[in-house]
Amino acid sequence: MQTQKNLHAYIQLAMIASILLLLVLGLFQSIWIYGGSETSIMTQVGLQRTRVQALAKDVQILSYRPASEHAQAINELQNVLPRFEQTQAGLQHGDDALQLPTHVPTDVAQLLIATQSDYTAIDTAVRLIIAHHDEPVDPIQRDIVLAHEHDYSTQMTLINTAWQQRIDGAFLHIFWIESGITLAALALIALSYLFLIRRMFALSK
């Protein structure tokens, strides 16, 4: 009778341990799912490159193309600039709407700081161009946008690479933890099975 009680207690303990391991594994799986939203970081960084190129293109249209094309260029500047500004702030300080994290790693933060002078110059110049869109484009403001567009875009490429390395490293770490938990769960199940077979064989004698 005592042997059966011990066997029953062991079975319960093994089941509880297995369930706990599976719950922990499920928790790490949820991190993978949540981590999928981290692609929004790369998406927004890529969009910043596209936006700054669009701003430079529209400024050139206003400077060199016929007046018939100006309305569309002004409209695009007015639509793109607020998103450009929101994303720049979100990359630095976080933005729930854009799914950008509040905590920014030090290396990424330093790269973002390096973009600030180019960003501020472009943002200020485009704002002035929009404010005076009924006048010919000030060549000084145009040249400011064109001079800083390439450097800003290059810095965004570096930020994209830095974030990608961070995320890949974190997910690789999670993968190895998951692998360890899975092996532990399999080992526990295998040992439990072997133990039960031995106990049942011993009781049958």
N, C-alpha and C. Protein backbone atom coordinates (compact mmCIF):
# COMPACT_ATOMS: atom_id res chain seq x y z
N MET A 1 0.83 -1.21 0.00
CA MET A 1 0.00 0.00 0.00
C MET A 1 0.86 1.26 0.00
N GLN A 2 1.89 1.24 0.87
CA GLN A 2 2.78 2.40 0.94
C GLN A 2 3.51 2.62 -0.38
N THR A 3 3.87 1.50 -1.03
CA THR A 3 4.56 1.59 -2.32
C THR A 3 3.66 2.23 -3.36
N GLN A 4 2.37 1.88 -3.34
CA GLN A 4 1.43 2.47 -4.29
C GLN A 4 1.24 3.96 -4.03
N LYS A 5 1.22 4.34 -2.73
CA LYS A 5 1.10 5.75 -2.38
C LYS A 5 2.31 6.53 -2.88
N ASN A 6 3.49 5.96 -2.69
CA ASN A 6 4.71 6.61 -3.17
C ASN A 6 4.70 6.75 -4.69
N LEU A 7 4.23 5.70 -5.35
CA LEU A 7 4.15 5.72 -6.81
C LEU A 7 3.17 6.79 -7.29
N HIS A 8 2.02 6.86 -6.59
CA HIS A 8 1.03 7.88 -6.94
C HIS A 8 1.58 9.30 -6.74
N ALA A 9 2.30 9.49 -5.63
CA ALA A 9 2.88 10.80 -5.33
C ALA A 9 3.92 11.18 -6.39
N TYR A 10 4.70 10.19 -6.81
CA TYR A 10 5.71 10.46 -7.83
C TYR A 10 5.06 10.85 -9.15
N ILE A 11 4.00 10.14 -9.51
CA ILE A 11 3.29 10.45 -10.75
C ILE A 11 2.76 11.89 -10.72
N GLN A 12 2.18 12.28 -9.57
CA GLN A 12 1.66 13.64 -9.43
C GLN A 12 2.78 14.68 -9.55
N LEU A 13 3.91 14.39 -8.89
CA LEU A 13 5.04 15.31 -8.94
C LEU A 13 5.58 15.45 -10.36
N ALA A 14 5.69 14.33 -11.06
CA ALA A 14 6.19 14.35 -12.43
C ALA A 14 5.24 15.13 -13.35
N MET A 15 3.94 14.95 -13.12
CA MET A 15 2.95 15.67 -13.94
C MET A 15 3.02 17.17 -13.68
N ILE A 16 3.14 17.55 -12.40
CA ILE A 16 3.22 18.98 -12.06
C ILE A 16 4.47 19.61 -12.66
N ALA A 17 5.61 18.90 -12.55
CA ALA A 17 6.86 19.41 -13.10
C ALA A 17 6.77 19.56 -14.62
N SER A 18 6.15 18.58 -15.28
CA SER A 18 6.01 18.63 -16.73
C SER A 18 5.12 19.80 -17.15
N ILE A 19 4.02 20.00 -16.40
CA ILE A 19 3.11 21.11 -16.71
C ILE A 19 3.81 22.45 -16.53
N LEU A 20 4.60 22.56 -15.46
CA LEU A 20 5.34 23.82 -15.22
C LEU A 20 6.33 24.10 -16.34
N LEU A 21 7.02 23.06 -16.77
CA LEU A 21 7.97 23.24 -17.87
C LEU A 21 7.25 23.66 -19.15
N LEU A 22 6.09 23.07 -19.40
CA LEU A 22 5.33 23.42 -20.59
C LEU A 22 4.80 24.86 -20.51
N LEU A 23 4.42 25.28 -19.30
CA LEU A 23 3.95 26.65 -19.12
C LEU A 23 5.09 27.65 -19.38
N VAL A 24 6.27 27.32 -18.86
CA VAL A 24 7.43 28.19 -19.10
C VAL A 24 7.75 28.24 -20.59
N LEU A 25 7.67 27.08 -21.24
CA LEU A 25 7.92 27.03 -22.68
C LEU A 25 6.90 27.87 -23.43
N GLY A 26 5.62 27.79 -22.98
CA GLY A 26 4.58 28.61 -23.60
C GLY A 26 4.84 30.09 -23.42
N LEU A 27 5.39 30.46 -22.25
CA LEU A 27 5.73 31.86 -22.00
C LEU A 27 6.78 32.34 -22.99
N PHE A 28 7.79 31.53 -23.23
CA PHE A 28 8.83 31.92 -24.19
C PHE A 28 8.28 31.97 -25.61
N GLN A 29 7.31 31.08 -25.90
CA GLN A 29 6.68 31.13 -27.22
C GLN A 29 5.91 32.43 -27.41
N SER A 30 5.29 32.91 -26.33
CA SER A 30 4.56 34.17 -26.41
C SER A 30 5.52 35.33 -26.67
N ILE A 31 6.76 35.21 -26.19
CA ILE A 31 7.76 36.24 -26.48
C ILE A 31 8.06 36.27 -27.97
N TRP A 32 8.12 35.10 -28.59
CA TRP A 32 8.33 35.06 -30.04
C TRP A 32 7.20 35.79 -30.76
N ILE A 33 5.95 35.54 -30.30
CA ILE A 33 4.80 36.17 -30.94
C ILE A 33 4.84 37.67 -30.74
N TYR A 34 5.11 38.09 -29.48
CA TYR A 34 5.19 39.51 -29.18
C TYR A 34 6.35 40.15 -29.93
N GLY A 35 7.44 39.39 -30.02
CA GLY A 35 8.62 39.90 -30.69
C GLY A 35 8.41 40.16 -32.17
N GLY A 36 7.35 39.53 -32.73
CA GLY A 36 7.05 39.80 -34.13
C GLY A 36 6.77 41.27 -34.38
N SER A 37 6.25 41.94 -33.33
CA SER A 37 5.97 43.37 -33.48
C SER A 37 7.25 44.18 -33.57
N GLU A 38 8.39 43.57 -33.22
CA GLU A 38 9.65 44.29 -33.33
C GLU A 38 10.01 44.60 -34.78
N THR A 39 9.35 43.89 -35.70
CA THR A 39 9.58 44.22 -37.10
C THR A 39 9.09 45.64 -37.40
N SER A 40 8.20 46.16 -36.54
CA SER A 40 7.73 47.54 -36.74
C SER A 40 8.88 48.53 -36.63
N ILE A 41 9.89 48.18 -35.84
CA ILE A 41 11.05 49.07 -35.72
C ILE A 41 11.74 49.21 -37.07
N MET A 42 12.04 48.06 -37.68
CA MET A 42 12.69 48.10 -38.99
C MET A 42 11.80 48.75 -40.05
N THR A 43 10.49 48.49 -39.92
CA THR A 43 9.55 49.11 -40.87
C THR A 43 9.59 50.62 -40.77
N GLN A 44 9.55 51.15 -39.54
CA GLN A 44 9.54 52.59 -39.35
C GLN A 44 10.87 53.23 -39.75
N VAL A 45 11.97 52.54 -39.48
CA VAL A 45 13.27 53.06 -39.89
C VAL A 45 13.35 53.11 -41.42
N GLY A 46 12.85 52.05 -42.06
CA GLY A 46 12.82 52.04 -43.53
C GLY A 46 11.94 53.14 -44.08
N LEU A 47 10.80 53.38 -43.42
CA LEU A 47 9.91 54.44 -43.87
C LEU A 47 10.56 55.81 -43.72
N GLN A 48 11.37 55.98 -42.68
CA GLN A 48 12.06 57.26 -42.53
C GLN A 48 12.99 57.54 -43.71
N ARG A 49 13.66 56.52 -44.18
CA ARG A 49 14.51 56.70 -45.37
C ARG A 49 13.66 57.08 -46.58
N THR A 50 12.53 56.40 -46.73
CA THR A 50 11.64 56.70 -47.85
C THR A 50 11.07 58.11 -47.74
N ARG A 51 10.71 58.49 -46.51
CA ARG A 51 10.12 59.82 -46.30
C ARG A 51 11.10 60.94 -46.59
N VAL A 52 12.33 60.80 -46.11
CA VAL A 52 13.28 61.89 -46.33
C VAL A 52 13.61 62.01 -47.83
N GLN A 53 13.60 60.89 -48.52
CA GLN A 53 13.81 60.93 -49.97
C GLN A 53 12.62 61.60 -50.67
N ALA A 54 11.41 61.34 -50.16
CA ALA A 54 10.21 61.97 -50.73
C ALA A 54 10.23 63.47 -50.49
N LEU A 55 10.66 63.88 -49.29
CA LEU A 55 10.75 65.30 -49.00
C LEU A 55 11.73 66.00 -49.95
N ALA A 56 12.88 65.38 -50.15
CA ALA A 56 13.88 65.97 -51.05
C ALA A 56 13.36 66.03 -52.48
N LYS A 57 12.65 64.97 -52.89
CA LYS A 57 12.10 64.94 -54.26
C LYS A 57 11.09 66.06 -54.45
N ASP A 58 10.19 66.23 -53.47
CA ASP A 58 9.15 67.26 -53.61
C ASP A 58 9.74 68.67 -53.60
N VAL A 59 10.77 68.87 -52.79
CA VAL A 59 11.43 70.19 -52.76
C VAL A 59 12.05 70.49 -54.13
N GLN A 60 12.61 69.47 -54.77
CA GLN A 60 13.18 69.67 -56.10
C GLN A 60 12.09 69.93 -57.14
N ILE A 61 10.95 69.27 -56.98
CA ILE A 61 9.83 69.51 -57.90
C ILE A 61 9.39 70.98 -57.80
N LEU A 62 9.29 71.46 -56.55
CA LEU A 62 8.88 72.85 -56.35
C LEU A 62 9.92 73.83 -56.90
N SER A 63 11.16 73.39 -56.94
CA SER A 63 12.24 74.28 -57.40
C SER A 63 12.41 74.27 -58.91
N TYR A 64 12.21 73.09 -59.53
CA TYR A 64 12.62 72.97 -60.93
C TYR A 64 11.50 72.55 -61.90
N ARG A 65 10.41 72.00 -61.37
CA ARG A 65 9.37 71.50 -62.27
C ARG A 65 8.29 72.55 -62.52
N PRO A 66 7.46 72.33 -63.55
CA PRO A 66 6.40 73.30 -63.88
C PRO A 66 5.42 73.48 -62.71
N ALA A 67 4.78 74.63 -62.70
CA ALA A 67 3.85 74.98 -61.62
C ALA A 67 2.69 73.99 -61.52
N SER A 68 2.35 73.33 -62.64
CA SER A 68 1.24 72.37 -62.63
C SER A 68 1.51 71.18 -61.72
N GLU A 69 2.78 70.93 -61.39
CA GLU A 69 3.14 69.80 -60.53
C GLU A 69 3.31 70.22 -59.07
N HIS A 70 3.19 71.50 -58.80
CA HIS A 70 3.50 71.98 -57.46
C HIS A 70 2.45 71.59 -56.42
N ALA A 71 1.20 71.60 -56.81
CA ALA A 71 0.13 71.31 -55.84
C ALA A 71 0.30 69.91 -55.23
N GLN A 72 0.60 68.94 -56.07
CA GLN A 72 0.78 67.58 -55.58
C GLN A 72 2.01 67.48 -54.68
N ALA A 73 3.06 68.20 -55.05
CA ALA A 73 4.28 68.17 -54.24
C ALA A 73 4.03 68.80 -52.87
N ILE A 74 3.31 69.93 -52.84
CA ILE A 74 2.98 70.56 -51.57
C ILE A 74 2.12 69.65 -50.71
N ASN A 75 1.14 69.01 -51.34
CA ASN A 75 0.26 68.09 -50.61
C ASN A 75 1.05 66.95 -49.98
N GLU A 76 2.01 66.41 -50.74
CA GLU A 76 2.83 65.31 -50.21
C GLU A 76 3.72 65.79 -49.08
N LEU A 77 4.28 66.97 -49.20
CA LEU A 77 5.10 67.52 -48.11
C LEU A 77 4.28 67.67 -46.84
N GLN A 78 3.05 68.16 -46.99
CA GLN A 78 2.18 68.37 -45.84
C GLN A 78 1.77 67.05 -45.19
N ASN A 79 1.67 66.00 -45.97
CA ASN A 79 1.29 64.69 -45.42
C ASN A 79 2.48 63.94 -44.84
N VAL A 80 3.62 64.04 -45.50
CA VAL A 80 4.79 63.25 -45.08
C VAL A 80 5.48 63.85 -43.86
N LEU A 81 5.57 65.16 -43.80
CA LEU A 81 6.34 65.80 -42.73
C LEU A 81 5.85 65.42 -41.32
N PRO A 82 4.54 65.44 -41.02
CA PRO A 82 4.10 65.04 -39.67
C PRO A 82 4.48 63.61 -39.32
N ARG A 83 4.42 62.71 -40.27
CA ARG A 83 4.81 61.31 -40.02
C ARG A 83 6.32 61.20 -39.80
N PHE A 84 7.04 61.99 -40.57
CA PHE A 84 8.50 62.05 -40.43
C PHE A 84 8.86 62.51 -39.02
N GLU A 85 8.17 63.53 -38.53
CA GLU A 85 8.42 64.08 -37.20
C GLU A 85 8.00 63.10 -36.10
N GLN A 86 6.82 62.49 -36.26
CA GLN A 86 6.32 61.55 -35.25
C GLN A 86 7.24 60.34 -35.11
N THR A 87 7.69 59.81 -36.23
CA THR A 87 8.55 58.62 -36.18
C THR A 87 9.92 58.94 -35.59
N GLN A 88 10.47 60.11 -35.92
CA GLN A 88 11.76 60.49 -35.34
C GLN A 88 11.66 60.54 -33.82
N ALA A 89 10.59 61.16 -33.32
CA ALA A 89 10.39 61.22 -31.87
C ALA A 89 10.14 59.83 -31.30
N GLY A 90 9.37 59.01 -32.02
CA GLY A 90 9.06 57.66 -31.55
C GLY A 90 10.28 56.77 -31.47
N LEU A 91 11.18 56.89 -32.44
CA LEU A 91 12.41 56.09 -32.43
C LEU A 91 13.29 56.45 -31.23
N GLN A 92 13.20 57.70 -30.79
CA GLN A 92 14.03 58.15 -29.67
C GLN A 92 13.39 57.87 -28.32
N HIS A 93 12.06 58.05 -28.22
CA HIS A 93 11.40 57.99 -26.91
C HIS A 93 10.29 56.96 -26.82
N GLY A 94 10.01 56.27 -27.93
CA GLY A 94 8.93 55.28 -27.92
C GLY A 94 7.62 55.87 -28.41
N ASP A 95 6.78 55.01 -28.98
CA ASP A 95 5.47 55.44 -29.47
C ASP A 95 4.60 54.19 -29.58
N ASP A 96 3.57 54.11 -28.74
CA ASP A 96 2.69 52.94 -28.74
C ASP A 96 1.95 52.79 -30.06
N ALA A 97 1.52 53.91 -30.63
CA ALA A 97 0.77 53.85 -31.89
C ALA A 97 1.61 53.26 -33.02
N LEU A 98 2.90 53.54 -32.99
CA LEU A 98 3.81 53.03 -34.02
C LEU A 98 4.51 51.74 -33.59
N GLN A 99 4.17 51.26 -32.39
CA GLN A 99 4.79 50.05 -31.82
C GLN A 99 6.31 50.18 -31.72
N LEU A 100 6.73 51.36 -31.29
CA LEU A 100 8.15 51.62 -31.08
C LEU A 100 8.45 51.57 -29.58
N PRO A 101 9.49 50.86 -29.16
CA PRO A 101 9.76 50.66 -27.73
C PRO A 101 10.25 51.92 -27.04
N THR A 102 9.88 52.02 -25.76
CA THR A 102 10.33 53.16 -24.95
C THR A 102 11.81 53.05 -24.63
N HIS A 103 12.25 51.81 -24.31
CA HIS A 103 13.66 51.60 -24.00
C HIS A 103 14.46 51.42 -25.28
N VAL A 104 15.41 52.29 -25.48
CA VAL A 104 16.27 52.23 -26.67
C VAL A 104 17.69 51.88 -26.23
N PRO A 105 18.28 50.80 -26.76
CA PRO A 105 19.65 50.44 -26.39
C PRO A 105 20.63 51.60 -26.60
N THR A 106 21.67 51.63 -25.80
CA THR A 106 22.62 52.75 -25.82
C THR A 106 23.24 52.96 -27.20
N ASP A 107 23.63 51.87 -27.87
CA ASP A 107 24.27 52.03 -29.18
C ASP A 107 23.30 52.61 -30.21
N VAL A 108 22.04 52.18 -30.13
CA VAL A 108 21.04 52.72 -31.05
C VAL A 108 20.75 54.19 -30.71
N ALA A 109 20.65 54.49 -29.42
CA ALA A 109 20.38 55.86 -28.98
C ALA A 109 21.47 56.82 -29.47
N GLN A 110 22.71 56.37 -29.44
CA GLN A 110 23.81 57.20 -29.91
C GLN A 110 23.71 57.47 -31.41
N LEU A 111 23.30 56.45 -32.17
CA LEU A 111 23.11 56.63 -33.61
C LEU A 111 21.95 57.61 -33.89
N LEU A 112 20.91 57.52 -33.06
CA LEU A 112 19.78 58.43 -33.23
C LEU A 112 20.18 59.87 -32.92
N ILE A 113 21.02 60.03 -31.91
CA ILE A 113 21.52 61.38 -31.58
C ILE A 113 22.30 61.94 -32.77
N ALA A 114 23.04 61.06 -33.44
CA ALA A 114 23.84 61.50 -34.59
C ALA A 114 22.96 61.97 -35.75
N THR A 115 21.71 61.49 -35.80
CA THR A 115 20.81 61.92 -36.89
C THR A 115 20.15 63.27 -36.61
N GLN A 116 20.21 63.71 -35.34
CA GLN A 116 19.39 64.84 -34.93
C GLN A 116 19.71 66.13 -35.68
N SER A 117 20.98 66.40 -35.91
CA SER A 117 21.33 67.65 -36.60
C SER A 117 20.80 67.64 -38.03
N ASP A 118 20.95 66.50 -38.73
CA ASP A 118 20.42 66.39 -40.09
C ASP A 118 18.90 66.49 -40.08
N TYR A 119 18.28 65.78 -39.12
CA TYR A 119 16.82 65.80 -39.02
C TYR A 119 16.31 67.22 -38.77
N THR A 120 16.90 67.91 -37.81
CA THR A 120 16.45 69.26 -37.47
C THR A 120 16.59 70.21 -38.65
N ALA A 121 17.70 70.11 -39.37
CA ALA A 121 17.92 70.97 -40.53
C ALA A 121 16.86 70.72 -41.60
N ILE A 122 16.59 69.43 -41.88
CA ILE A 122 15.59 69.08 -42.90
C ILE A 122 14.20 69.52 -42.47
N ASP A 123 13.86 69.21 -41.22
CA ASP A 123 12.53 69.53 -40.70
C ASP A 123 12.27 71.04 -40.74
N THR A 124 13.24 71.82 -40.29
CA THR A 124 13.08 73.28 -40.27
C THR A 124 12.94 73.85 -41.68
N ALA A 125 13.77 73.35 -42.59
CA ALA A 125 13.73 73.86 -43.96
C ALA A 125 12.41 73.52 -44.64
N VAL A 126 11.95 72.28 -44.47
CA VAL A 126 10.69 71.87 -45.10
C VAL A 126 9.52 72.65 -44.52
N ARG A 127 9.54 72.89 -43.22
CA ARG A 127 8.48 73.69 -42.60
C ARG A 127 8.42 75.10 -43.22
N LEU A 128 9.57 75.69 -43.44
CA LEU A 128 9.61 77.03 -44.04
C LEU A 128 9.11 77.00 -45.47
N ILE A 129 9.48 75.95 -46.20
CA ILE A 129 9.03 75.83 -47.60
C ILE A 129 7.51 75.68 -47.66
N ILE A 130 6.96 74.86 -46.76
CA ILE A 130 5.50 74.69 -46.72
C ILE A 130 4.82 76.00 -46.33
N ALA A 131 5.38 76.68 -45.34
CA ALA A 131 4.77 77.93 -44.87
C ALA A 131 4.73 78.99 -45.97
N HIS A 132 5.68 78.94 -46.92
CA HIS A 132 5.75 79.93 -48.00
C HIS A 132 5.57 79.26 -49.36
N HIS A 133 4.65 78.27 -49.41
CA HIS A 133 4.50 77.49 -50.64
C HIS A 133 3.93 78.30 -51.80
N ASP A 134 3.33 79.47 -51.49
CA ASP A 134 2.80 80.30 -52.56
C ASP A 134 3.88 81.21 -53.16
N GLU A 135 5.10 81.05 -52.68
CA GLU A 135 6.23 81.83 -53.19
C GLU A 135 7.25 80.87 -53.80
N PRO A 136 8.16 81.36 -54.64
CA PRO A 136 9.24 80.49 -55.16
C PRO A 136 10.05 79.92 -53.99
N VAL A 137 10.51 78.70 -54.17
CA VAL A 137 11.26 78.04 -53.09
C VAL A 137 12.56 78.79 -52.83
N ASP A 138 12.79 79.04 -51.55
CA ASP A 138 14.05 79.68 -51.15
C ASP A 138 15.19 78.71 -51.45
N PRO A 139 16.13 79.08 -52.31
CA PRO A 139 17.23 78.16 -52.67
C PRO A 139 18.07 77.74 -51.46
N ILE A 140 18.13 78.59 -50.44
CA ILE A 140 18.90 78.22 -49.24
C ILE A 140 18.24 77.04 -48.54
N GLN A 141 16.91 77.11 -48.38
CA GLN A 141 16.19 76.01 -47.72
C GLN A 141 16.23 74.74 -48.57
N ARG A 142 16.12 74.91 -49.89
CA ARG A 142 16.22 73.75 -50.79
C ARG A 142 17.57 73.06 -50.63
N ASP A 143 18.64 73.86 -50.62
CA ASP A 143 19.98 73.28 -50.53
C ASP A 143 20.20 72.61 -49.17
N ILE A 144 19.58 73.14 -48.13
CA ILE A 144 19.70 72.52 -46.80
C ILE A 144 19.09 71.12 -46.83
N VAL A 145 17.90 71.00 -47.41
CA VAL A 145 17.24 69.69 -47.50
C VAL A 145 18.10 68.71 -48.29
N LEU A 146 18.57 69.15 -49.44
CA LEU A 146 19.35 68.26 -50.30
C LEU A 146 20.70 67.90 -49.69
N ALA A 147 21.27 68.83 -48.93
CA ALA A 147 22.59 68.57 -48.33
C ALA A 147 22.51 67.57 -47.19
N HIS A 148 21.39 67.54 -46.47
CA HIS A 148 21.28 66.69 -45.29
C HIS A 148 20.54 65.37 -45.54
N GLU A 149 19.86 65.28 -46.68
CA GLU A 149 19.04 64.09 -46.95
C GLU A 149 19.88 62.81 -47.00
N HIS A 150 21.02 62.85 -47.69
CA HIS A 150 21.84 61.64 -47.84
C HIS A 150 22.40 61.17 -46.50
N ASP A 151 22.94 62.10 -45.72
CA ASP A 151 23.53 61.73 -44.43
C ASP A 151 22.47 61.16 -43.48
N TYR A 152 21.27 61.75 -43.50
CA TYR A 152 20.20 61.24 -42.64
C TYR A 152 19.81 59.82 -43.06
N SER A 153 19.67 59.61 -44.35
CA SER A 153 19.30 58.29 -44.86
C SER A 153 20.37 57.25 -44.52
N THR A 154 21.64 57.65 -44.61
CA THR A 154 22.74 56.74 -44.27
C THR A 154 22.69 56.35 -42.80
N GLN A 155 22.43 57.33 -41.93
CA GLN A 155 22.35 57.05 -40.50
C GLN A 155 21.18 56.11 -40.19
N MET A 156 20.07 56.27 -40.91
CA MET A 156 18.93 55.38 -40.71
C MET A 156 19.28 53.94 -41.09
N THR A 157 20.11 53.78 -42.10
CA THR A 157 20.56 52.44 -42.48
C THR A 157 21.38 51.81 -41.36
N LEU A 158 22.24 52.61 -40.74
CA LEU A 158 23.04 52.12 -39.61
C LEU A 158 22.15 51.76 -38.42
N ILE A 159 21.12 52.55 -38.18
CA ILE A 159 20.19 52.27 -37.08
C ILE A 159 19.43 50.99 -37.35
N ASN A 160 19.01 50.78 -38.59
CA ASN A 160 18.32 49.55 -38.95
C ASN A 160 19.21 48.33 -38.68
N THR A 161 20.48 48.43 -39.06
CA THR A 161 21.42 47.33 -38.84
C THR A 161 21.63 47.06 -37.35
N ALA A 162 21.77 48.13 -36.57
CA ALA A 162 21.99 47.98 -35.13
C ALA A 162 20.80 47.32 -34.46
N TRP A 163 19.59 47.74 -34.80
CA TRP A 163 18.39 47.13 -34.23
C TRP A 163 18.28 45.66 -34.65
N GLN A 164 18.56 45.37 -35.91
CA GLN A 164 18.45 44.00 -36.40
C GLN A 164 19.40 43.08 -35.65
N GLN A 165 20.62 43.54 -35.40
CA GLN A 165 21.59 42.73 -34.66
C GLN A 165 21.12 42.50 -33.23
N ARG A 166 20.56 43.54 -32.61
CA ARG A 166 20.03 43.41 -31.25
C ARG A 166 18.91 42.38 -31.19
N ILE A 167 17.98 42.48 -32.08
CA ILE A 167 16.80 41.60 -32.07
C ILE A 167 17.21 40.17 -32.39
N ASP A 168 18.09 40.00 -33.38
CA ASP A 168 18.56 38.65 -33.73
C ASP A 168 19.27 38.00 -32.55
N GLY A 169 20.10 38.79 -31.84
CA GLY A 169 20.81 38.25 -30.68
C GLY A 169 19.87 37.84 -29.57
N ALA A 170 18.83 38.66 -29.32
CA ALA A 170 17.87 38.35 -28.27
C ALA A 170 17.08 37.09 -28.60
N PHE A 171 16.66 36.96 -29.86
CA PHE A 171 15.89 35.79 -30.25
C PHE A 171 16.73 34.52 -30.26
N LEU A 172 18.01 34.64 -30.57
CA LEU A 172 18.89 33.48 -30.52
C LEU A 172 19.03 33.01 -29.07
N HIS A 173 19.15 33.96 -28.15
CA HIS A 173 19.23 33.62 -26.72
C HIS A 173 17.96 32.91 -26.27
N ILE A 174 16.81 33.43 -26.69
CA ILE A 174 15.53 32.81 -26.34
C ILE A 174 15.45 31.40 -26.93
N PHE A 175 15.95 31.24 -28.15
CA PHE A 175 15.91 29.93 -28.80
C PHE A 175 16.67 28.88 -27.98
N TRP A 176 17.86 29.26 -27.47
CA TRP A 176 18.64 28.30 -26.69
C TRP A 176 17.97 27.99 -25.36
N ILE A 177 17.33 28.98 -24.75
CA ILE A 177 16.59 28.72 -23.51
C ILE A 177 15.42 27.77 -23.78
N GLU A 178 14.70 28.02 -24.85
CA GLU A 178 13.58 27.15 -25.22
C GLU A 178 14.06 25.72 -25.47
N SER A 179 15.20 25.61 -26.16
CA SER A 179 15.74 24.28 -26.45
C SER A 179 16.08 23.55 -25.16
N GLY A 180 16.66 24.27 -24.18
CA GLY A 180 16.98 23.66 -22.89
C GLY A 180 15.74 23.21 -22.15
N ILE A 181 14.70 24.04 -22.17
CA ILE A 181 13.45 23.67 -21.49
C ILE A 181 12.81 22.46 -22.16
N THR A 182 12.83 22.44 -23.48
CA THR A 182 12.25 21.30 -24.21
C THR A 182 12.98 20.01 -23.89
N LEU A 183 14.32 20.07 -23.87
CA LEU A 183 15.11 18.88 -23.54
C LEU A 183 14.85 18.42 -22.11
N ALA A 184 14.73 19.39 -21.19
CA ALA A 184 14.44 19.04 -19.79
C ALA A 184 13.08 18.36 -19.67
N ALA A 185 12.09 18.89 -20.39
CA ALA A 185 10.76 18.29 -20.35
C ALA A 185 10.77 16.88 -20.92
N LEU A 186 11.47 16.70 -22.04
CA LEU A 186 11.56 15.36 -22.65
C LEU A 186 12.29 14.39 -21.74
N ALA A 187 13.37 14.88 -21.10
CA ALA A 187 14.12 14.01 -20.19
C ALA A 187 13.26 13.60 -19.00
N LEU A 188 12.48 14.55 -18.46
CA LEU A 188 11.61 14.24 -17.33
C LEU A 188 10.55 13.21 -17.70
N ILE A 189 9.97 13.39 -18.88
CA ILE A 189 8.95 12.43 -19.34
C ILE A 189 9.56 11.05 -19.54
N ALA A 190 10.76 11.01 -20.15
CA ALA A 190 11.42 9.73 -20.40
C ALA A 190 11.78 9.04 -19.09
N LEU A 191 12.34 9.80 -18.14
CA LEU A 191 12.70 9.21 -16.84
C LEU A 191 11.48 8.74 -16.08
N SER A 192 10.40 9.52 -16.17
CA SER A 192 9.16 9.13 -15.49
C SER A 192 8.62 7.84 -16.08
N TYR A 193 8.68 7.74 -17.40
CA TYR A 193 8.19 6.52 -18.05
C TYR A 193 9.03 5.31 -17.64
N LEU A 194 10.35 5.47 -17.65
CA LEU A 194 11.22 4.36 -17.27
C LEU A 194 11.00 3.96 -15.82
N PHE A 195 10.85 4.96 -14.95
CA PHE A 195 10.63 4.67 -13.53
C PHE A 195 9.31 3.93 -13.32
N LEU A 196 8.27 4.37 -14.00
CA LEU A 196 6.97 3.73 -13.84
C LEU A 196 7.00 2.30 -14.36
N ILE A 197 7.67 2.10 -15.49
CA ILE A 197 7.78 0.74 -16.04
C ILE A 197 8.49 -0.17 -15.05
N ARG A 198 9.57 0.33 -14.44
CA ARG A 198 10.32 -0.47 -13.47
C ARG A 198 9.48 -0.77 -12.24
N ARG A 199 8.74 0.23 -11.76
CA ARG A 199 7.92 0.02 -10.57
C ARG A 199 6.80 -0.96 -10.84
N MET A 200 6.18 -0.81 -12.01
CA MET A 200 5.10 -1.74 -12.35
C MET A 200 5.61 -3.15 -12.52
N PHE A 201 6.81 -3.29 -13.08
CA PHE A 201 7.42 -4.60 -13.24
C PHE A 201 7.75 -5.22 -11.88
N ALA A 202 8.24 -4.35 -10.95
CA ALA A 202 8.58 -4.84 -9.61
C ALA A 202 7.33 -5.27 -8.85
N LEU A 203 6.24 -4.50 -9.02
CA LEU A 203 5.00 -4.85 -8.31
C LEU A 203 4.35 -6.11 -8.84
N SER A 204 4.61 -6.40 -10.14
CA SER A 204 3.98 -7.57 -10.74
C SER A 204 4.63 -8.88 -10.29
N LYS A 205 5.81 -8.77 -9.68
CA LYS A 205 6.49 -9.99 -9.23
C LYS A 205 5.89 -10.51 -7.94
